[in-house]
């Protein structure tokens, strides 16, 4: 068994303008409430009216073959079909390494130290991505599923895990 706790990352290609996107956002929020080792990042793109649009969303989408919204990636390896059993399976996977992250905030500066410890010997190239995400952003969300998830638009929709910046290359810096 691994001495490390397995966590998963689900990146949600989304947009406040996307009427189909609330179903994934709500599903992920429900899943995270029961599974705190699931980490999400909302990569906003598309419409120029989305105030949370990630600057490099088109590069991200192109790299992962995202052609429509919503789309979600599990651990940057496969697209999520919105079946929670896929997330459960990913959480049960063996964790080959552990990360320890220390961060401090001073004014508008964030400083961090990341330590990596491996549970295996490998010659595989591994990368790390450090991303800044923001929670609690309130902005109307278009909703084609009204009234299931609320009105259309959902006027006080809370956008969580919104990808704002990366402190590394978008696709990772090599771990030495």
Protein backbone atom coordinates (compact mmCIF):
# COMPACT_ATOMS: atom_id res chain seq x y z
CA UNK A 1 0.00 0.00 0.00
CA UNK A 2 1.06 3.55 -0.62
CA UNK A 3 1.90 5.75 2.37
CA UNK A 4 0.34 8.68 0.49
CA UNK A 5 -3.29 9.73 0.25
CA UNK A 6 -4.65 9.59 -3.28
CA UNK A 7 -6.22 12.78 -4.54
CA UNK A 8 -7.72 13.46 -7.94
CA UNK A 9 -7.98 16.57 -10.04
CA UNK A 10 -11.03 17.21 -12.21
CA UNK A 11 -10.64 20.14 -14.59
CA UNK A 12 -13.98 21.44 -15.84
CA UNK A 13 -13.94 23.27 -19.19
CA UNK A 14 -16.82 25.63 -18.59
CA UNK A 15 -18.19 29.12 -18.95
CA UNK A 16 -20.75 31.37 -17.29
CA UNK A 17 -22.37 31.70 -20.74
CA UNK A 18 -22.71 27.89 -21.15
CA UNK A 19 -26.26 26.73 -20.46
CA UNK A 20 -25.26 23.05 -20.29
CA UNK A 21 -22.43 23.65 -17.80
CA UNK A 22 -24.43 23.81 -14.52
CA UNK A 23 -25.00 20.04 -14.56
CA UNK A 24 -21.24 19.36 -14.31
CA UNK A 25 -20.65 22.14 -11.76
CA UNK A 26 -23.44 20.83 -9.51
CA UNK A 27 -22.31 17.20 -9.93
CA UNK A 28 -18.74 18.09 -8.98
CA UNK A 29 -19.80 20.18 -5.96
CA UNK A 30 -21.95 17.26 -4.71
CA UNK A 31 -19.12 14.79 -5.27
CA UNK A 32 -16.55 16.99 -3.51
CA UNK A 33 -18.85 17.39 -0.50
CA UNK A 34 -18.71 13.62 0.04
CA UNK A 35 -15.13 13.16 -1.24
CA UNK A 36 -12.80 15.94 -0.06
CA UNK A 37 -9.84 14.33 -1.88
CA UNK A 38 -11.41 15.41 -5.16
CA UNK A 39 -9.96 18.75 -6.24
CA UNK A 40 -11.58 20.74 -9.03
CA UNK A 41 -10.51 23.57 -11.28
CA UNK A 42 -12.93 25.42 -13.54
CA UNK A 43 -11.23 26.45 -16.77
CA UNK A 44 -13.49 29.17 -18.14
CA UNK A 45 -13.32 29.83 -21.86
CA UNK A 46 -15.26 30.71 -24.95
CA UNK A 47 -17.37 33.83 -24.77
CA UNK A 48 -15.66 37.17 -24.37
CA UNK A 49 -18.39 38.16 -21.90
CA UNK A 50 -17.26 35.61 -19.28
CA UNK A 51 -15.41 37.62 -16.61
CA UNK A 52 -13.55 34.49 -15.46
CA UNK A 53 -12.19 33.48 -18.88
CA UNK A 54 -8.76 31.91 -18.46
CA UNK A 55 -6.21 33.64 -20.63
CA UNK A 56 -4.85 30.40 -22.11
CA UNK A 57 -8.11 28.45 -22.37
CA UNK A 58 -7.73 27.86 -26.14
CA UNK A 59 -4.23 26.39 -25.65
CA UNK A 60 -5.60 24.19 -22.84
CA UNK A 61 -8.57 23.04 -24.96
CA UNK A 62 -6.37 22.30 -27.97
CA UNK A 63 -3.86 20.30 -25.91
CA UNK A 64 -6.57 18.08 -24.38
CA UNK A 65 -8.81 17.88 -27.47
CA UNK A 66 -11.71 19.72 -25.87
CA UNK A 67 -14.19 20.69 -28.58
CA UNK A 68 -17.34 21.44 -26.58
CA UNK A 69 -18.62 22.61 -23.23
CA UNK A 70 -18.95 21.24 -20.67
CA UNK A 71 -16.00 18.85 -20.77
CA UNK A 72 -14.08 17.59 -17.78
CA UNK A 73 -10.71 15.86 -17.48
CA UNK A 74 -9.69 13.46 -14.70
CA UNK A 75 -6.03 13.86 -13.72
CA UNK A 76 -5.29 15.24 -17.18
CA UNK A 77 -5.40 11.71 -18.58
CA UNK A 78 -8.97 11.09 -19.70
CA UNK A 79 -12.27 12.83 -20.21
CA UNK A 80 -14.86 12.34 -17.49
CA UNK A 81 -18.17 10.94 -18.74
CA UNK A 82 -20.00 12.43 -15.72
CA UNK A 83 -20.22 8.98 -14.11
CA UNK A 84 -19.15 9.25 -10.46
CA UNK A 85 -17.88 5.65 -10.45
CA UNK A 86 -14.99 6.88 -12.63
CA UNK A 87 -14.08 9.37 -9.92
CA UNK A 88 -14.40 6.69 -7.23
CA UNK A 89 -12.07 4.43 -9.24
CA UNK A 90 -9.52 7.23 -9.66
CA UNK A 91 -9.59 7.88 -5.89
CA UNK A 92 -8.88 4.20 -5.20
CA UNK A 93 -5.78 4.19 -7.41
CA UNK A 94 -2.37 3.67 -5.84
CA UNK A 95 -0.55 6.96 -5.10
CA UNK A 96 3.07 6.78 -6.34
CA UNK A 97 4.13 10.07 -4.77
CA UNK A 98 3.19 12.65 -2.19
CA UNK A 99 3.28 16.43 -2.35
CA UNK A 100 3.68 18.78 0.58
CA UNK A 101 2.80 22.39 -0.15
CA UNK A 102 3.50 25.31 2.17
CA UNK A 103 2.20 28.70 1.12
CA UNK A 104 2.03 32.14 2.64
CA UNK A 105 0.19 35.25 1.57
CA UNK A 106 1.59 38.71 2.22
CA UNK A 107 -0.43 41.51 0.68
CA UNK A 108 -0.79 40.54 -2.98
CA UNK A 109 2.20 38.16 -2.95
CA UNK A 110 1.87 34.41 -2.60
CA UNK A 111 5.00 32.43 -1.80
CA UNK A 112 5.09 28.67 -1.85
CA UNK A 113 7.36 25.72 -1.35
CA UNK A 114 6.55 22.32 -2.82
CA UNK A 115 8.23 19.11 -1.71
CA UNK A 116 7.85 15.82 -3.55
CA UNK A 117 8.47 12.37 -2.11
CA UNK A 118 8.32 9.25 -4.25
CA UNK A 119 7.15 5.80 -3.21
CA UNK A 120 8.67 4.25 -6.34
CA UNK A 121 11.82 4.35 -8.38
CA UNK A 122 10.96 5.46 -11.88
CA UNK A 123 12.51 6.72 -15.05
CA UNK A 124 9.23 8.29 -16.14
CA UNK A 125 9.28 12.02 -16.69
CA UNK A 126 6.95 13.70 -14.20
CA UNK A 127 5.71 17.26 -14.12
CA UNK A 128 4.03 19.52 -11.64
CA UNK A 129 1.52 22.27 -12.31
CA UNK A 130 0.92 24.90 -9.66
CA UNK A 131 -2.35 26.69 -10.25
CA UNK A 132 -4.07 29.57 -8.49
CA UNK A 133 -7.81 29.00 -8.24
CA UNK A 134 -10.43 31.21 -6.65
CA UNK A 135 -13.64 30.24 -4.85
CA UNK A 136 -16.81 32.15 -4.08
CA UNK A 137 -17.06 34.21 -7.26
CA UNK A 138 -20.69 35.23 -7.77
CA UNK A 139 -21.85 35.86 -11.34
CA UNK A 140 -24.94 34.85 -13.35
CA UNK A 141 -24.76 31.38 -14.94
CA UNK A 142 -26.80 30.53 -18.02
CA UNK A 143 -28.91 27.44 -17.27
CA UNK A 144 -30.69 25.34 -19.92
CA UNK A 145 -31.90 22.96 -17.19
CA UNK A 146 -34.30 25.38 -15.46
CA UNK A 147 -35.90 24.73 -13.05
CA UNK A 148 -33.75 21.68 -12.12
CA UNK A 149 -30.74 23.78 -11.08
CA UNK A 150 -32.62 27.03 -10.56
CA UNK A 151 -33.76 29.80 -12.84
CA UNK A 152 -32.28 30.81 -16.18
CA UNK A 153 -29.95 32.49 -15.62
CA UNK A 154 -28.97 31.44 -12.11
CA UNK A 155 -28.45 35.00 -10.90
CA UNK A 156 -26.38 34.33 -7.76
CA UNK A 157 -24.41 31.34 -9.03
CA UNK A 158 -21.26 30.72 -7.00
CA UNK A 159 -18.31 29.78 -9.20
CA UNK A 160 -15.71 27.79 -7.26
CA UNK A 161 -12.24 26.60 -8.17
CA UNK A 162 -11.97 29.13 -10.99
CA UNK A 163 -8.54 28.85 -12.61
CA UNK A 164 -6.91 32.28 -12.52
CA UNK A 165 -3.19 31.71 -13.15
CA UNK A 166 -0.50 29.08 -13.15
CA UNK A 167 2.83 29.57 -11.41
CA UNK A 168 4.35 26.93 -13.67
CA UNK A 169 3.97 26.13 -17.33
CA UNK A 170 0.30 25.37 -18.05
CA UNK A 171 1.28 21.77 -18.83
CA UNK A 172 3.80 21.45 -16.03
CA UNK A 173 7.41 21.94 -15.07
CA UNK A 174 9.57 18.82 -14.92
CA UNK A 175 10.17 17.43 -11.44
CA UNK A 176 13.90 16.84 -10.95
